[in-house]
Amino acid sequence: MVTVIPEWARSSPITRSRLSLRYRDRLDVDRANVVQPSREPPDRFAGWLAPSGVTAPVGSSGNLIGSAVLEDPDLTIAMRAEFERRYAPLTPMLLAFAKRHNLRLEKYHYAQPNWSFHFRIGETGRGHLQVMRPRDDEVVVVGHREEFDFDRGRRYIAISRPLTLTRLRLDSPDIEKTVKAALERVVKVPLSELELDDPPVQSTAGWRASIGGEPLVRL
């Protein structure tokens, strides 16, 4: 698999653990229901896959919202069609949610049925919501939070568990309410609930750049 990942993300425990799979055992994702990668050469899809880092459209605040697809040859046209079908009932609500709360949307990271919403919390925090569709009749909402101490070169994160993890049926009337509650939980979580991760770093330039590049969340 060839996936373009920003330099700052390579050191991130979120990226390292591939969050769309991190809680796979807990979520019991039925991979038989996911369209398997084609064996066709990747260049067949070069015209369809968006360039890495491209996000559209631009919101009224000037921050980027919309969808972006990494240049991942495992994400085939057939897989994207299946994932788009799964998300079709939720798409209008989720796009409106991203715009209303000023979130950056990334779709199908690591070729998984996963919509990821990224955002900045103040000047030192970064949040990440995932809305996953492991099965036709199921929606899974997961929330994550990172907090950075630039002066000490320290990062804090909920390492052993997600901050919030909720499974719902697709026909549940509470999906939008659950996504909103997960966002509020991530933004308002007491920092005492986060754990110190990794030894201190000498330079925090990458952290500062990654946080500064995310849109500031609106509740």
Protein backbone atom coordinates (compact mmCIF):
# COMPACT_ATOMS: atom_id res chain seq x y z
CA MET A 1 0.00 0.00 0.00
CA VAL A 2 1.32 3.44 -0.91
CA THR A 3 -0.25 6.15 1.19
CA VAL A 4 0.96 9.73 1.38
CA ILE A 5 0.99 10.82 5.03
CA PRO A 6 2.10 14.28 6.20
CA GLU A 7 5.39 14.31 8.09
CA TRP A 8 3.72 15.44 11.34
CA ALA A 9 1.27 12.57 11.19
CA ARG A 10 3.94 9.89 11.00
CA SER A 11 4.79 10.44 14.66
CA SER A 12 1.18 10.64 15.78
CA PRO A 13 -0.09 7.75 17.90
CA ILE A 14 -3.41 8.23 16.15
CA THR A 15 -1.84 7.69 12.73
CA ARG A 16 0.52 4.99 13.94
CA SER A 17 -2.36 2.93 15.29
CA ARG A 18 -4.55 3.46 12.20
CA LEU A 19 -7.57 4.50 14.19
CA SER A 20 -10.03 3.16 11.65
CA LEU A 21 -8.70 -0.30 12.65
CA ARG A 22 -7.49 0.45 16.20
CA TYR A 23 -10.67 -0.77 17.84
CA ARG A 24 -11.39 -3.44 15.24
CA ASP A 25 -11.68 -6.23 17.81
CA ARG A 26 -14.00 -4.14 19.98
CA LEU A 27 -16.09 -3.13 16.99
CA ASP A 28 -16.12 -6.63 15.50
CA VAL A 29 -16.00 -5.23 11.96
CA ASP A 30 -17.30 -7.73 9.45
CA ARG A 31 -14.66 -7.47 6.74
CA ALA A 32 -16.59 -9.93 4.57
CA ASN A 33 -19.07 -7.11 3.96
CA VAL A 34 -16.37 -4.74 2.73
CA VAL A 35 -15.58 -4.82 -0.97
CA GLN A 36 -12.11 -6.31 -1.26
CA PRO A 37 -9.32 -4.49 -3.11
CA SER A 38 -9.02 -5.09 -6.81
CA ARG A 39 -5.81 -6.59 -8.17
CA GLU A 40 -5.80 -4.11 -11.02
CA PRO A 41 -2.68 -1.91 -11.22
CA PRO A 42 -3.04 1.35 -9.22
CA ASP A 43 -2.54 3.60 -12.25
CA ARG A 44 -5.90 2.47 -13.60
CA PHE A 45 -7.51 4.64 -10.91
CA ALA A 46 -5.08 7.54 -11.08
CA GLY A 47 -7.62 9.74 -12.85
CA TRP A 48 -10.26 9.12 -10.22
CA LEU A 49 -8.30 9.36 -6.97
CA ALA A 50 -7.96 12.89 -5.64
CA PRO A 51 -4.42 14.13 -5.03
CA SER A 52 -3.25 13.71 -1.47
CA GLY A 53 -4.19 16.62 0.73
CA VAL A 54 -6.89 17.98 -1.59
CA THR A 55 -10.04 18.96 0.27
CA ALA A 56 -13.16 20.62 -1.13
CA PRO A 57 -15.15 22.80 -0.98
CA VAL A 58 -14.08 25.83 1.04
CA GLY A 59 -16.48 26.81 3.81
CA SER A 60 -17.75 30.31 4.43
CA SER A 61 -15.23 30.71 7.25
CA GLY A 62 -12.35 30.11 4.86
CA ASN A 63 -11.49 26.77 6.46
CA LEU A 64 -11.56 23.66 4.34
CA ILE A 65 -14.45 21.26 4.63
CA GLY A 66 -15.69 18.53 2.34
CA SER A 67 -14.02 15.29 1.31
CA ALA A 68 -10.50 14.17 0.58
CA VAL A 69 -9.26 10.77 -0.54
CA LEU A 70 -5.65 9.75 0.00
CA GLU A 71 -3.75 8.26 -2.91
CA ASP A 72 -4.24 4.70 -1.78
CA PRO A 73 -4.22 2.05 -4.53
CA ASP A 74 -6.23 -0.30 -2.29
CA LEU A 75 -9.24 2.03 -2.58
CA THR A 76 -10.75 0.94 -5.88
CA ILE A 77 -13.71 2.29 -7.79
CA ALA A 78 -15.76 -0.68 -6.60
CA MET A 79 -14.87 -0.05 -2.97
CA ARG A 80 -15.67 3.65 -3.21
CA ALA A 81 -19.03 2.88 -4.83
CA GLU A 82 -19.89 0.48 -2.01
CA PHE A 83 -18.80 2.93 0.69
CA GLU A 84 -20.72 5.79 -0.92
CA ARG A 85 -23.82 3.57 -0.97
CA ARG A 86 -23.43 2.82 2.73
CA TYR A 87 -23.04 6.50 3.63
CA ALA A 88 -25.81 7.78 1.34
CA PRO A 89 -28.48 7.84 4.10
CA LEU A 90 -26.14 9.87 6.34
CA THR A 91 -24.40 12.10 3.81
CA PRO A 92 -26.67 15.21 3.97
CA MET A 93 -26.65 15.20 7.77
CA LEU A 94 -22.88 14.63 8.08
CA LEU A 95 -21.96 17.31 5.52
CA ALA A 96 -24.22 19.81 7.26
CA PHE A 97 -22.69 18.81 10.59
CA ALA A 98 -19.16 19.41 9.25
CA LYS A 99 -20.10 22.84 7.93
CA ARG A 100 -22.00 23.88 11.06
CA HIS A 101 -19.14 22.93 13.40
CA ASN A 102 -16.27 23.92 11.10
CA LEU A 103 -14.72 20.47 10.70
CA ARG A 104 -12.39 19.08 8.05
CA LEU A 105 -13.72 15.86 6.54
CA GLU A 106 -11.55 13.03 5.26
CA LYS A 107 -13.25 10.02 3.69
CA TYR A 108 -12.19 6.36 3.53
CA HIS A 109 -8.72 6.68 5.08
CA TYR A 110 -6.77 3.43 4.68
CA ALA A 111 -9.54 2.21 2.36
CA GLN A 112 -11.99 1.72 5.23
CA PRO A 113 -15.71 2.66 5.48
CA ASN A 114 -14.88 5.62 7.70
CA TRP A 115 -15.58 9.36 7.61
CA SER A 116 -13.11 11.26 9.79
CA PHE A 117 -13.75 14.80 11.06
CA HIS A 118 -10.65 16.73 12.14
CA PHE A 119 -10.53 19.99 14.09
CA ARG A 120 -8.48 22.22 16.37
CA ILE A 121 -9.41 22.88 20.00
CA GLY A 122 -8.00 26.18 21.19
CA GLU A 123 -4.30 26.67 20.53
CA THR A 124 -2.98 23.39 21.89
CA GLY A 125 -5.59 20.70 21.21
CA ARG A 126 -6.62 18.54 18.28
CA GLY A 127 -9.75 16.41 17.99
CA HIS A 128 -10.87 13.64 15.69
CA LEU A 129 -14.33 12.10 15.23
CA GLN A 130 -14.96 8.96 13.22
CA VAL A 131 -18.32 7.89 11.84
CA MET A 132 -17.87 4.33 10.61
CA ARG A 133 -20.17 2.01 8.67
CA PRO A 134 -18.83 -1.53 9.29
CA ARG A 135 -22.16 -3.09 8.27
CA ASP A 136 -25.19 -2.08 6.27
CA ASP A 137 -27.35 -1.76 9.40
CA GLU A 138 -24.76 -0.29 11.77
CA VAL A 139 -23.16 3.09 12.53
CA VAL A 140 -20.23 3.46 14.93
CA VAL A 141 -19.21 6.87 16.34
CA VAL A 142 -15.76 7.22 17.94
CA GLY A 143 -14.07 10.32 19.39
CA HIS A 144 -10.39 11.05 20.08
CA ARG A 145 -8.46 13.97 21.58
CA GLU A 146 -4.82 15.07 21.71
CA GLU A 147 -3.47 17.89 23.86
CA PHE A 148 0.03 19.34 23.51
CA ASP A 149 2.33 21.04 26.00
CA PHE A 150 4.65 22.91 23.68
CA ASP A 151 6.84 24.27 26.45
CA ARG A 152 7.68 20.82 27.80
CA GLY A 153 7.47 18.92 24.51
CA ARG A 154 4.75 16.63 25.83
CA ARG A 155 1.63 15.15 24.27
CA TYR A 156 -1.41 13.81 26.12
CA ILE A 157 -3.96 11.45 24.64
CA ALA A 158 -6.51 8.80 25.62
CA ILE A 159 -4.25 5.87 24.76
CA SER A 160 -5.97 2.81 26.13
CA ARG A 161 -9.48 3.67 24.95
CA PRO A 162 -11.41 6.13 22.80
CA LEU A 163 -12.99 9.03 24.65
CA THR A 164 -16.35 7.95 23.31
CA LEU A 165 -17.52 4.91 21.36
CA THR A 166 -21.17 4.34 20.47
CA ARG A 167 -22.77 1.75 18.22
CA LEU A 168 -26.19 2.41 16.71
CA ARG A 169 -28.49 0.86 14.17
CA LEU A 170 -28.79 2.76 10.90
CA ASP A 171 -32.49 3.35 11.56
CA SER A 172 -31.83 4.89 14.98
CA PRO A 173 -33.29 8.40 15.39
CA ASP A 174 -30.32 9.30 17.63
CA ILE A 175 -27.43 9.26 15.14
CA GLU A 176 -27.11 13.03 14.76
CA LYS A 177 -27.54 13.55 18.50
CA THR A 178 -24.84 10.95 19.16
CA VAL A 179 -22.38 12.58 16.77
CA LYS A 180 -22.99 15.97 18.39
CA ALA A 181 -22.56 14.49 21.87
CA ALA A 182 -19.29 12.86 20.80
CA LEU A 183 -18.02 16.19 19.49
CA GLU A 184 -18.88 17.93 22.75
CA ARG A 185 -17.24 15.15 24.76
CA VAL A 186 -14.00 15.46 22.78
CA VAL A 187 -13.91 19.25 23.07
CA LYS A 188 -14.83 19.46 26.75
CA VAL A 189 -13.04 16.41 28.18
CA PRO A 190 -11.08 17.24 31.37
CA LEU A 191 -7.39 17.04 30.60
CA SER A 192 -6.99 14.86 33.69
CA GLU A 193 -8.60 12.04 31.67
CA LEU A 194 -5.76 12.10 29.12
CA GLU A 195 -2.55 10.13 29.51
CA LEU A 196 1.02 11.17 28.83
CA ASP A 197 2.23 9.62 25.60
CA ASP A 198 5.81 9.10 24.42
CA PRO A 199 8.99 10.68 25.81
CA PRO A 200 9.32 14.47 25.47
CA VAL A 201 10.42 15.77 22.08
CA GLN A 202 13.09 18.37 21.39
CA SER A 203 11.18 20.22 18.69
CA THR A 204 7.45 20.92 18.65
CA ALA A 205 7.42 22.61 15.24
CA GLY A 206 5.59 19.68 13.63
CA TRP A 207 2.93 19.67 16.32
CA ARG A 208 2.40 23.41 16.00
CA ALA A 209 2.09 23.17 12.23
CA SER A 210 -0.37 20.28 12.35
CA ILE A 211 -2.64 21.95 14.89
CA GLY A 212 -2.45 25.31 13.14
CA GLY A 213 -3.51 23.68 9.90
CA GLU A 214 -6.81 22.38 11.30
CA PRO A 215 -10.01 24.44 11.44
CA LEU A 216 -11.07 25.77 14.84
CA VAL A 217 -14.09 23.82 16.03
CA ARG A 218 -17.43 25.56 16.68
CA LEU A 219 -19.89 24.01 19.13
